[in-house]
Amino acid sequence: MAKSKKKVETVFLVCEETGDHNYTLRRKTGGEKLKLSKYSPRLRKHTLHAEKKK
């Protein structure tokens, strides 16, 4: 039998203040949208980043 491949999607983390695509993640499909505090190089501080699909 062949192994089933896991579904993986590429998502971007977009800064909510500037709108920049600063980070890229590969994660399993489904689940809740991510909202993480990540570093924004343009603002030089940590800001909230939200998930956006490709």
PDB file of N, CA and C in Angstrom:
ATOM      1  N   MET A   1       0.825  -1.181   0.000  1.00  0.00           N
ATOM      2  CA  MET A   1       0.000   0.000   0.000  1.00  0.00           C
ATOM      3  C   MET A   1       0.869   1.245   0.000  1.00  0.00           C
ATOM      4  N   ALA A   2       0.378   2.261  -0.640  1.00  0.00           N
ATOM      5  CA  ALA A   2       1.096   3.528  -0.687  1.00  0.00           C
ATOM      6  C   ALA A   2       0.725   4.366   0.531  1.00  0.00           C
ATOM      7  N   LYS A   3       1.695   5.102   1.011  1.00  0.00           N
ATOM      8  CA  LYS A   3       1.431   5.988   2.137  1.00  0.00           C
ATOM      9  C   LYS A   3       0.657   7.205   1.649  1.00  0.00           C
ATOM     10  N   SER A   4      -0.247   7.689   2.466  1.00  0.00           N
ATOM     11  CA  SER A   4      -0.987   8.895   2.101  1.00  0.00           C
ATOM     12  C   SER A   4      -0.139  10.117   2.455  1.00  0.00           C
ATOM     13  N   LYS A   5      -0.158  11.086   1.579  1.00  0.00           N
ATOM     14  CA  LYS A   5       0.616  12.301   1.827  1.00  0.00           C
ATOM     15  C   LYS A   5      -0.201  13.249   2.696  1.00  0.00           C
ATOM     16  N   LYS A   6       0.478  13.902   3.613  1.00  0.00           N
ATOM     17  CA  LYS A   6      -0.183  14.860   4.473  1.00  0.00           C
ATOM     18  C   LYS A   6      -0.375  16.163   3.709  1.00  0.00           C
ATOM     19  N   LYS A   7      -1.499  16.795   3.923  1.00  0.00           N
ATOM     20  CA  LYS A   7      -1.787  18.070   3.272  1.00  0.00           C
ATOM     21  C   LYS A   7      -1.052  19.185   4.019  1.00  0.00           C
ATOM     22  N   VAL A   8      -0.214  19.907   3.296  1.00  0.00           N
ATOM     23  CA  VAL A   8       0.542  21.012   3.884  1.00  0.00           C
ATOM     24  C   VAL A   8       0.300  22.246   3.035  1.00  0.00           C
ATOM     25  N   GLU A   9       0.037  23.371   3.685  1.00  0.00           N
ATOM     26  CA  GLU A   9      -0.178  24.615   2.960  1.00  0.00           C
ATOM     27  C   GLU A   9       0.859  25.648   3.390  1.00  0.00           C
ATOM     28  N   THR A  10       1.167  26.562   2.504  1.00  0.00           N
ATOM     29  CA  THR A  10       2.086  27.646   2.801  1.00  0.00           C
ATOM     30  C   THR A  10       1.272  28.881   3.160  1.00  0.00           C
ATOM     31  N   VAL A  11       1.572  29.472   4.299  1.00  0.00           N
ATOM     32  CA  VAL A  11       0.867  30.668   4.745  1.00  0.00           C
ATOM     33  C   VAL A  11       1.891  31.757   5.062  1.00  0.00           C
ATOM     34  N   PHE A  12       1.454  32.985   4.955  1.00  0.00           N
ATOM     35  CA  PHE A  12       2.290  34.133   5.279  1.00  0.00           C
ATOM     36  C   PHE A  12       1.813  34.749   6.579  1.00  0.00           C
ATOM     37  N   LEU A  13       2.748  35.295   7.342  1.00  0.00           N
ATOM     38  CA  LEU A  13       2.391  36.088   8.508  1.00  0.00           C
ATOM     39  C   LEU A  13       2.567  37.550   8.120  1.00  0.00           C
ATOM     40  N   VAL A  14       1.477  38.287   8.169  1.00  0.00           N
ATOM     41  CA  VAL A  14       1.446  39.670   7.703  1.00  0.00           C
ATOM     42  C   VAL A  14       1.337  40.591   8.910  1.00  0.00           C
ATOM     43  N   CYS A  15       2.186  41.605   8.947  1.00  0.00           N
ATOM     44  CA  CYS A  15       2.158  42.595  10.023  1.00  0.00           C
ATOM     45  C   CYS A  15       0.856  43.384   9.928  1.00  0.00           C
ATOM     46  N   GLU A  16       0.151  43.516  11.045  1.00  0.00           N
ATOM     47  CA  GLU A  16      -1.121  44.226  11.034  1.00  0.00           C
ATOM     48  C   GLU A  16      -0.945  45.737  10.977  1.00  0.00           C
ATOM     49  N   GLU A  17       0.218  46.252  11.347  1.00  0.00           N
ATOM     50  CA  GLU A  17       0.435  47.699  11.327  1.00  0.00           C
ATOM     51  C   GLU A  17       0.942  48.190   9.978  1.00  0.00           C
ATOM     52  N   THR A  18       1.875  47.451   9.357  1.00  0.00           N
ATOM     53  CA  THR A  18       2.461  47.908   8.094  1.00  0.00           C
ATOM     54  C   THR A  18       1.938  47.150   6.883  1.00  0.00           C
ATOM     55  N   GLY A  19       1.434  45.932   7.064  1.00  0.00           N
ATOM     56  CA  GLY A  19       0.953  45.125   5.949  1.00  0.00           C
ATOM     57  C   GLY A  19       2.056  44.359   5.233  1.00  0.00           C
ATOM     58  N   ASP A  20       3.258  44.316   5.805  1.00  0.00           N
ATOM     59  CA  ASP A  20       4.384  43.611   5.194  1.00  0.00           C
ATOM     60  C   ASP A  20       4.276  42.105   5.417  1.00  0.00           C
ATOM     61  N   HIS A  21       4.704  41.309   4.424  1.00  0.00           N
ATOM     62  CA  HIS A  21       4.807  39.858   4.551  1.00  0.00           C
ATOM     63  C   HIS A  21       6.198  39.561   5.105  1.00  0.00           C
ATOM     64  N   ASN A  22       6.314  39.360   6.418  1.00  0.00           N
ATOM     65  CA  ASN A  22       7.617  39.182   7.037  1.00  0.00           C
ATOM     66  C   ASN A  22       8.014  37.730   7.233  1.00  0.00           C
ATOM     67  N   TYR A  23       7.051  36.835   7.384  1.00  0.00           N
ATOM     68  CA  TYR A  23       7.355  35.441   7.699  1.00  0.00           C
ATOM     69  C   TYR A  23       6.527  34.505   6.838  1.00  0.00           C
ATOM     70  N   THR A  24       7.079  33.319   6.552  1.00  0.00           N
ATOM     71  CA  THR A  24       6.404  32.280   5.793  1.00  0.00           C
ATOM     72  C   THR A  24       6.430  30.988   6.613  1.00  0.00           C
ATOM     73  N   LEU A  25       5.303  30.293   6.657  1.00  0.00           N
ATOM     74  CA  LEU A  25       5.196  29.039   7.394  1.00  0.00           C
ATOM     75  C   LEU A  25       4.594  27.965   6.513  1.00  0.00           C
ATOM     76  N   ARG A  26       4.983  26.725   6.755  1.00  0.00           N
ATOM     77  CA  ARG A  26       4.337  25.568   6.141  1.00  0.00           C
ATOM     78  C   ARG A  26       3.654  24.824   7.267  1.00  0.00           C
ATOM     79  N   ARG A  27       2.325  24.683   7.165  1.00  0.00           N
ATOM     80  CA  ARG A  27       1.587  24.028   8.232  1.00  0.00           C
ATOM     81  C   ARG A  27       0.468  23.170   7.672  1.00  0.00           C
ATOM     82  N   LYS A  28      -0.051  22.292   8.511  1.00  0.00           N
ATOM     83  CA  LYS A  28      -1.144  21.422   8.107  1.00  0.00           C
ATOM     84  C   LYS A  28      -2.399  22.250   7.853  1.00  0.00           C
ATOM     85  N   THR A  29      -3.233  21.759   6.966  1.00  0.00           N
ATOM     86  CA  THR A  29      -4.463  22.475   6.650  1.00  0.00           C
ATOM     87  C   THR A  29      -5.432  22.388   7.815  1.00  0.00           C
ATOM     88  N   GLY A  30      -6.353  23.329   7.862  1.00  0.00           N
ATOM     89  CA  GLY A  30      -7.358  23.349   8.916  1.00  0.00           C
ATOM     90  C   GLY A  30      -6.857  24.054  10.157  1.00  0.00           C
ATOM     91  N   GLY A  31      -7.696  24.103  11.146  1.00  0.00           N
ATOM     92  CA  GLY A  31      -7.323  24.753  12.393  1.00  0.00           C
ATOM     93  C   GLY A  31      -7.638  26.237  12.366  1.00  0.00           C
ATOM     94  N   GLU A  32      -7.337  26.890  13.460  1.00  0.00           N
ATOM     95  CA  GLU A  32      -7.607  28.319  13.585  1.00  0.00           C
ATOM     96  C   GLU A  32      -6.502  29.138  12.926  1.00  0.00           C
ATOM     97  N   LYS A  33      -6.838  30.367  12.554  1.00  0.00           N
ATOM     98  CA  LYS A  33      -5.825  31.257  11.988  1.00  0.00           C
ATOM     99  C   LYS A  33      -4.885  31.719  13.093  1.00  0.00           C
ATOM    100  N   LEU A  34      -3.616  31.821  12.741  1.00  0.00           N
ATOM    101  CA  LEU A  34      -2.608  32.219  13.721  1.00  0.00           C
ATOM    102  C   LEU A  34      -2.578  33.732  13.885  1.00  0.00           C
ATOM    103  N   LYS A  35      -2.335  34.170  15.094  1.00  0.00           N
ATOM    104  CA  LYS A  35      -2.035  35.571  15.403  1.00  0.00           C
ATOM    105  C   LYS A  35      -0.902  35.522  16.411  1.00  0.00           C
ATOM    106  N   LEU A  36       0.290  35.924  15.958  1.00  0.00           N
ATOM    107  CA  LEU A  36       1.471  35.836  16.797  1.00  0.00           C
ATOM    108  C   LEU A  36       2.138  37.190  16.920  1.00  0.00           C
ATOM    109  N   SER A  37       2.847  37.395  18.003  1.00  0.00           N
ATOM    110  CA  SER A  37       3.659  38.581  18.176  1.00  0.00           C
ATOM    111  C   SER A  37       5.050  38.276  17.620  1.00  0.00           C
ATOM    112  N   LYS A  38       5.395  38.909  16.491  1.00  0.00           N
ATOM    113  CA  LYS A  38       6.676  38.675  15.827  1.00  0.00           C
ATOM    114  C   LYS A  38       7.380  40.023  15.607  1.00  0.00           C
ATOM    115  N   TYR A  39       8.658  39.950  15.276  1.00  0.00           N
ATOM    116  CA  TYR A  39       9.461  41.151  15.071  1.00  0.00           C
ATOM    117  C   TYR A  39       9.204  41.742  13.687  1.00  0.00           C
ATOM    118  N   SER A  40       8.968  43.041  13.633  1.00  0.00           N
ATOM    119  CA  SER A  40       8.789  43.759  12.372  1.00  0.00           C
ATOM    120  C   SER A  40      10.043  44.589  12.100  1.00  0.00           C
ATOM    121  N   PRO A  41      10.816  44.244  11.061  1.00  0.00           N
ATOM    122  CA  PRO A  41      12.051  44.973  10.799  1.00  0.00           C
ATOM    123  C   PRO A  41      11.838  46.437  10.426  1.00  0.00           C
ATOM    124  N   ARG A  42      10.736  46.743   9.772  1.00  0.00           N
ATOM    125  CA  ARG A  42      10.480  48.125   9.376  1.00  0.00           C
ATOM    126  C   ARG A  42      10.252  49.015  10.595  1.00  0.00           C
ATOM    127  N   LEU A  43       9.481  48.508  11.566  1.00  0.00           N
ATOM    128  CA  LEU A  43       9.174  49.291  12.762  1.00  0.00           C
ATOM    129  C   LEU A  43      10.191  49.090  13.874  1.00  0.00           C
ATOM    130  N   ARG A  44      11.036  48.051  13.739  1.00  0.00           N
ATOM    131  CA  ARG A  44      12.052  47.709  14.731  1.00  0.00           C
ATOM    132  C   ARG A  44      11.461  47.425  16.106  1.00  0.00           C
ATOM    133  N   LYS A  45      10.329  46.719  16.115  1.00  0.00           N
ATOM    134  CA  LYS A  45       9.718  46.302  17.376  1.00  0.00           C
ATOM    135  C   LYS A  45       8.805  45.109  17.101  1.00  0.00           C
ATOM    136  N   HIS A  46       8.348  44.456  18.148  1.00  0.00           N
ATOM    137  CA  HIS A  46       7.433  43.334  18.016  1.00  0.00           C
ATOM    138  C   HIS A  46       6.014  43.856  17.806  1.00  0.00           C
ATOM    139  N   THR A  47       5.328  43.308  16.813  1.00  0.00           N
ATOM    140  CA  THR A  47       3.945  43.670  16.517  1.00  0.00           C
ATOM    141  C   THR A  47       3.141  42.397  16.305  1.00  0.00           C
ATOM    142  N   LEU A  48       1.845  42.538  16.228  1.00  0.00           N
ATOM    143  CA  LEU A  48       0.963  41.405  15.992  1.00  0.00           C
ATOM    144  C   LEU A  48       0.960  41.059  14.519  1.00  0.00           C
ATOM    145  N   HIS A  49       1.173  39.788  14.203  1.00  0.00           N
ATOM    146  CA  HIS A  49       1.159  39.288  12.831  1.00  0.00           C
ATOM    147  C   HIS A  49       0.021  38.290  12.691  1.00  0.00           C
ATOM    148  N   ALA A  50      -0.735  38.400  11.605  1.00  0.00           N
ATOM    149  CA  ALA A  50      -1.863  37.508  11.354  1.00  0.00           C
ATOM    150  C   ALA A  50      -1.586  36.646  10.147  1.00  0.00           C
ATOM    151  N   GLU A  51      -2.204  35.474  10.101  1.00  0.00           N
ATOM    152  CA  GLU A  51      -2.011  34.527   9.012  1.00  0.00           C
ATOM    153  C   GLU A  51      -2.801  34.946   7.781  1.00  0.00           C
ATOM    154  N   LYS A  52      -2.155  34.806   6.619  1.00  0.00           N
ATOM    155  CA  LYS A  52      -2.817  35.056   5.339  1.00  0.00           C
ATOM    156  C   LYS A  52      -2.379  33.971   4.390  1.00  0.00           C
ATOM    157  N   LYS A  53      -3.330  33.367   3.665  1.00  0.00           N
ATOM    158  CA  LYS A  53      -2.986  32.306   2.739  1.00  0.00           C
ATOM    159  C   LYS A  53      -2.346  32.870   1.490  1.00  0.00           C
ATOM    160  N   LYS A  54      -1.625  32.001   0.789  1.00  0.00           N
ATOM    161  CA  LYS A  54      -0.894  32.396  -0.413  1.00  0.00           C
ATOM    162  C   LYS A  54      -1.810  32.892  -1.500  1.00  0.00           C
TER     163      LYS A  54
END
